[in-house]
């Protein structure tokens, strides 16, 4: 016997909210940290600890989904054995929602097309609706060509700064300064 939500009568039509649920228990998910509140406007995202950068990206996506009235859950995944997933979004909205995979790359050099291909494989493997590759740097022409017609979105440094600003955050990205700082840390 099939069980479902239905209108009690075919003579009278009643509204039924579409149901979109996710099997969200995922061993990769870890507790999110509120990194953004610890940073100030002078913070150079390109020099930030890579793990902190992943949390900043998670916080941004949580704000972006909340701003459009979504009840989406945005989770960061553990650092190792995450299968190419830095954050997961589960949005129950039946029209705009679904499962989204986020890969955060705090890079000082151009992101190679291989990283974009890897994300595409991850999106397919995860059964996700879309993948987002977010970086502090930029993408080459091969990366932009690869995403055409695919459920992938590339967010480079300037676009990242704009999204952050649109949602109340004010940070900066200086790749040259980050290269020097990262070299000093080695």
Protein backbone atom coordinates (compact mmCIF):
# COMPACT_ATOMS: atom_id res chain seq x y z
CA UNK A 1 0.00 0.00 0.00
CA UNK A 2 1.36 3.42 -0.92
CA UNK A 3 1.40 6.05 1.76
CA UNK A 4 1.54 9.73 0.95
CA UNK A 5 0.05 13.12 1.50
CA UNK A 6 -3.12 13.67 -0.48
CA UNK A 7 -6.17 15.88 -0.68
CA UNK A 8 -9.14 14.25 1.11
CA UNK A 9 -11.47 14.82 -1.83
CA UNK A 10 -11.08 15.21 -5.56
CA UNK A 11 -14.00 17.65 -5.53
CA UNK A 12 -12.14 20.10 -3.35
CA UNK A 13 -8.49 20.94 -3.86
CA UNK A 14 -6.44 21.64 -0.75
CA UNK A 15 -2.91 22.99 -0.63
CA UNK A 16 -0.26 20.43 0.18
CA UNK A 17 3.25 21.57 0.99
CA UNK A 18 5.77 19.59 -1.07
CA UNK A 19 8.05 17.48 1.06
CA UNK A 20 11.79 17.37 0.44
CA UNK A 21 13.79 15.53 3.05
CA UNK A 22 17.40 14.50 3.26
CA UNK A 23 19.10 11.59 4.89
CA UNK A 24 21.55 13.99 6.54
CA UNK A 25 23.48 11.87 9.05
CA UNK A 26 26.99 12.14 7.68
CA UNK A 27 30.07 11.11 9.65
CA UNK A 28 32.11 13.79 7.88
CA UNK A 29 30.14 16.66 9.45
CA UNK A 30 31.81 18.44 12.35
CA UNK A 31 30.75 21.30 14.59
CA UNK A 32 30.99 24.63 12.81
CA UNK A 33 33.05 27.38 14.40
CA UNK A 34 32.12 31.05 14.35
CA UNK A 35 35.37 32.33 12.84
CA UNK A 36 33.94 35.49 11.27
CA UNK A 37 33.37 37.20 14.63
CA UNK A 38 37.05 36.73 15.50
CA UNK A 39 38.22 38.58 12.37
CA UNK A 40 38.30 42.27 11.50
CA UNK A 41 38.23 44.32 8.29
CA UNK A 42 42.01 44.13 7.95
CA UNK A 43 41.98 40.33 7.74
CA UNK A 44 43.56 39.07 4.53
CA UNK A 45 41.53 35.98 3.63
CA UNK A 46 44.32 34.69 1.39
CA UNK A 47 46.63 34.48 4.43
CA UNK A 48 44.04 32.95 6.75
CA UNK A 49 44.54 29.43 8.06
CA UNK A 50 42.97 27.08 5.48
CA UNK A 51 40.64 25.51 8.04
CA UNK A 52 39.46 28.92 9.24
CA UNK A 53 38.83 29.86 5.61
CA UNK A 54 36.54 26.82 5.22
CA UNK A 55 34.54 28.01 8.25
CA UNK A 56 34.31 31.55 6.83
CA UNK A 57 32.92 30.11 3.59
CA UNK A 58 30.43 27.98 5.53
CA UNK A 59 29.28 31.04 7.49
CA UNK A 60 28.88 33.02 4.27
CA UNK A 61 26.75 30.31 2.65
CA UNK A 62 24.64 30.01 5.79
CA UNK A 63 23.98 33.76 5.62
CA UNK A 64 23.25 33.62 1.89
CA UNK A 65 20.65 30.88 2.30
CA UNK A 66 19.11 32.55 5.36
CA UNK A 67 18.86 35.87 3.50
CA UNK A 68 16.57 34.29 0.93
CA UNK A 69 14.34 32.84 3.64
CA UNK A 70 15.65 29.30 3.38
CA UNK A 71 15.77 26.87 6.26
CA UNK A 72 18.85 25.24 4.75
CA UNK A 73 21.42 23.57 6.94
CA UNK A 74 25.04 24.38 6.11
CA UNK A 75 27.66 22.07 7.61
CA UNK A 76 31.43 21.99 7.46
CA UNK A 77 33.12 18.60 7.12
CA UNK A 78 36.13 17.22 8.93
CA UNK A 79 39.57 18.07 7.59
CA UNK A 80 40.64 14.58 6.52
CA UNK A 81 38.80 11.96 4.49
CA UNK A 82 36.10 14.43 3.49
CA UNK A 83 36.02 13.04 -0.09
CA UNK A 84 36.51 16.48 -1.63
CA UNK A 85 33.74 18.13 0.36
CA UNK A 86 34.56 21.09 2.62
CA UNK A 87 30.93 21.98 3.34
CA UNK A 88 27.49 20.57 2.60
CA UNK A 89 24.21 22.43 2.21
CA UNK A 90 20.85 20.69 2.58
CA UNK A 91 18.03 22.99 1.51
CA UNK A 92 14.49 21.56 1.85
CA UNK A 93 12.94 24.11 -0.55
CA UNK A 94 11.19 21.98 -3.21
CA UNK A 95 11.91 24.48 -6.02
CA UNK A 96 15.32 26.01 -5.30
CA UNK A 97 16.64 23.53 -2.77
CA UNK A 98 18.54 20.30 -2.80
CA UNK A 99 21.97 19.14 -1.81
CA UNK A 100 24.93 21.39 -2.57
CA UNK A 101 28.63 20.64 -2.22
CA UNK A 102 31.14 23.39 -1.42
CA UNK A 103 34.89 23.20 -1.95
CA UNK A 104 36.89 26.08 -0.43
CA UNK A 105 40.38 26.80 -1.79
CA UNK A 106 42.40 29.39 0.08
CA UNK A 107 44.94 29.77 -2.71
CA UNK A 108 47.46 32.42 -3.68
CA UNK A 109 47.88 30.99 -7.20
CA UNK A 110 45.36 30.29 -9.94
CA UNK A 111 43.09 27.29 -9.33
CA UNK A 112 43.82 24.61 -11.92
CA UNK A 113 41.11 22.97 -13.99
CA UNK A 114 41.91 19.65 -12.26
CA UNK A 115 40.35 21.01 -9.04
CA UNK A 116 37.19 21.89 -10.98
CA UNK A 117 37.08 18.41 -12.53
CA UNK A 118 37.51 16.89 -9.08
CA UNK A 119 34.57 18.94 -7.80
CA UNK A 120 32.42 17.78 -10.71
CA UNK A 121 33.18 14.16 -9.84
CA UNK A 122 32.35 14.88 -6.21
CA UNK A 123 29.01 16.47 -7.16
CA UNK A 124 28.12 13.36 -9.16
CA UNK A 125 29.34 10.97 -6.45
CA UNK A 126 27.40 12.84 -3.74
CA UNK A 127 24.22 13.03 -5.83
CA UNK A 128 24.28 16.80 -5.31
CA UNK A 129 22.31 19.36 -7.30
CA UNK A 130 25.23 21.77 -7.61
CA UNK A 131 28.84 22.29 -6.60
CA UNK A 132 30.50 25.55 -5.61
CA UNK A 133 34.24 26.10 -5.83
CA UNK A 134 35.21 29.15 -3.77
CA UNK A 135 38.72 30.58 -3.85
CA UNK A 136 40.67 33.61 -2.73
CA UNK A 137 42.49 33.64 -6.07
CA UNK A 138 41.23 33.08 -9.63
CA UNK A 139 40.37 30.44 -12.23
CA UNK A 140 41.98 29.98 -15.61
CA UNK A 141 40.15 29.87 -18.95
CA UNK A 142 40.20 26.04 -18.92
CA UNK A 143 38.28 26.02 -15.63
CA UNK A 144 35.66 28.45 -16.97
CA UNK A 145 35.31 26.39 -20.16
CA UNK A 146 34.91 23.16 -18.19
CA UNK A 147 31.96 24.40 -16.07
CA UNK A 148 29.83 25.40 -19.08
CA UNK A 149 26.64 23.32 -19.03
CA UNK A 150 27.54 21.67 -15.73
CA UNK A 151 25.97 22.22 -12.30
CA UNK A 152 29.08 24.02 -11.05
CA UNK A 153 29.62 27.59 -9.88
CA UNK A 154 33.06 29.18 -9.64
CA UNK A 155 33.50 31.98 -7.11
CA UNK A 156 36.85 33.77 -7.41
CA UNK A 157 38.43 36.26 -4.99
CA UNK A 158 36.70 39.44 -6.24
CA UNK A 159 33.30 37.71 -6.32
CA UNK A 160 33.92 36.25 -2.87
CA UNK A 161 34.68 39.72 -1.49
CA UNK A 162 31.49 41.06 -3.08
CA UNK A 163 29.36 38.25 -1.61
CA UNK A 164 30.92 38.83 1.80
CA UNK A 165 30.24 42.56 1.55
CA UNK A 166 26.64 41.93 0.41
CA UNK A 167 26.09 39.93 3.60
CA UNK A 168 27.68 42.34 6.05
CA UNK A 169 31.28 41.15 6.15
CA UNK A 170 34.24 43.33 5.29
CA UNK A 171 37.48 41.53 4.60
CA UNK A 172 40.21 41.89 2.01
CA UNK A 173 42.32 39.69 -0.25
CA UNK A 174 45.94 40.56 -1.05
CA UNK A 175 47.62 37.62 -2.78
CA UNK A 176 51.13 39.09 -2.83
CA UNK A 177 51.04 39.80 0.90
CA UNK A 178 49.67 36.31 1.54
CA UNK A 179 52.46 34.69 -0.51
CA UNK A 180 55.06 36.44 1.66
CA UNK A 181 53.31 35.56 4.93
CA UNK A 182 52.82 31.93 3.96
CA UNK A 183 56.47 31.65 2.90
CA UNK A 184 57.57 33.05 6.29
CA UNK A 185 55.44 30.45 8.11
CA UNK A 186 57.18 27.55 6.31
